[in-house]
Amino acid sequence: MAQFIFYTDEGITMAPNDEIVENLQILGFEFGNTENEAKQILLKENAWILQNGFHEDGIMCLKVMDSSYSENSLNHK
């Protein structure tokens, strides 16, 4: 099982000085056996993502870690 971070370039962010900033927005983190499985869990448990106009095909993903990473990191302490 792996952990994934999901993000998008859809939408905008307002800076403290009221300027619009174009950047990436983190939508969440989720665990799954595959990227697709984790994405489906993310969307099921966070209905606000699609309800607020983000598009499923605009959601990008990176693997943060998998079970072999966490086991290896524990062995190196």
Protein backbone atom coordinates (compact mmCIF):
# COMPACT_ATOMS: atom_id res chain seq x y z
CA MET A 1 0.00 0.00 0.00
CA ALA A 2 1.21 3.51 -0.77
CA GLN A 3 0.32 7.05 0.22
CA PHE A 4 -0.41 9.58 -2.52
CA ILE A 5 -0.74 13.37 -2.56
CA PHE A 6 -3.42 14.80 -4.84
CA TYR A 7 -3.24 18.32 -6.22
CA THR A 8 -4.62 20.50 -9.00
CA ASP A 9 -3.84 23.65 -10.94
CA GLU A 10 -7.57 24.42 -11.22
CA GLY A 11 -8.85 27.43 -9.35
CA ILE A 12 -7.00 30.35 -7.80
CA THR A 13 -5.58 31.36 -4.47
CA MET A 14 -5.96 34.79 -2.89
CA ALA A 15 -2.80 36.14 -1.27
CA PRO A 16 -2.93 38.13 1.99
CA ASN A 17 -2.55 41.35 -0.03
CA ASP A 18 -5.66 40.41 -2.08
CA GLU A 19 -3.63 39.56 -5.19
CA ILE A 20 -4.62 36.49 -7.17
CA VAL A 21 -1.86 33.88 -7.18
CA GLU A 22 -1.76 31.09 -9.76
CA ASN A 23 -0.38 28.00 -8.07
CA LEU A 24 -1.07 24.38 -7.29
CA GLN A 25 -3.61 23.48 -4.63
CA ILE A 26 -3.32 20.42 -2.43
CA LEU A 27 -6.60 18.49 -2.37
CA GLY A 28 -5.52 15.80 0.05
CA PHE A 29 -3.53 12.69 0.88
CA GLU A 30 -4.83 9.15 0.60
CA PHE A 31 -3.62 5.56 0.86
CA GLY A 32 -4.26 2.89 -1.77
CA ASN A 33 -2.76 -0.04 -3.60
CA THR A 34 -2.76 2.02 -6.80
CA GLU A 35 -3.02 5.69 -7.69
CA ASN A 36 -6.52 5.11 -9.09
CA GLU A 37 -7.70 3.29 -5.96
CA ALA A 38 -6.40 6.07 -3.72
CA LYS A 39 -8.02 8.72 -5.95
CA GLN A 40 -11.41 7.00 -5.76
CA ILE A 41 -11.15 6.84 -1.96
CA LEU A 42 -10.16 10.52 -1.84
CA LEU A 43 -13.16 11.55 -3.93
CA LYS A 44 -15.56 9.32 -1.99
CA GLU A 45 -14.43 10.67 1.39
CA ASN A 46 -14.14 14.30 0.22
CA ALA A 47 -17.28 15.07 -1.75
CA TRP A 48 -16.43 18.79 -1.54
CA ILE A 49 -13.76 18.35 -4.23
CA LEU A 50 -16.21 17.67 -7.08
CA GLN A 51 -19.01 19.71 -5.47
CA ASN A 52 -16.79 22.80 -5.66
CA GLY A 53 -16.11 22.41 -9.36
CA PHE A 54 -12.78 20.61 -9.45
CA HIS A 55 -12.67 18.11 -12.31
CA GLU A 56 -11.56 14.54 -11.75
CA ASP A 57 -9.37 14.60 -14.85
CA GLY A 58 -7.63 17.76 -13.56
CA ILE A 59 -6.46 16.04 -10.38
CA MET A 60 -2.77 15.18 -10.43
CA CYS A 61 -1.01 12.75 -8.14
CA LEU A 62 2.40 11.81 -6.80
CA LYS A 63 3.33 8.83 -4.65
CA VAL A 64 4.58 10.11 -1.28
CA MET A 65 5.73 6.77 0.10
CA ASP A 66 5.01 3.09 -0.01
CA SER A 67 5.28 0.28 2.52
CA SER A 68 8.84 -0.60 1.48
CA TYR A 69 9.95 2.99 2.10
CA SER A 70 8.58 3.05 5.65
CA GLU A 71 10.12 -0.34 6.47
CA ASN A 72 13.51 0.74 5.11
CA SER A 73 13.44 4.04 6.96
CA LEU A 74 12.72 2.25 10.25
CA ASN A 75 15.71 -0.07 9.70
CA HIS A 76 18.08 2.88 9.26
CA LYS A 77 17.46 4.51 12.65
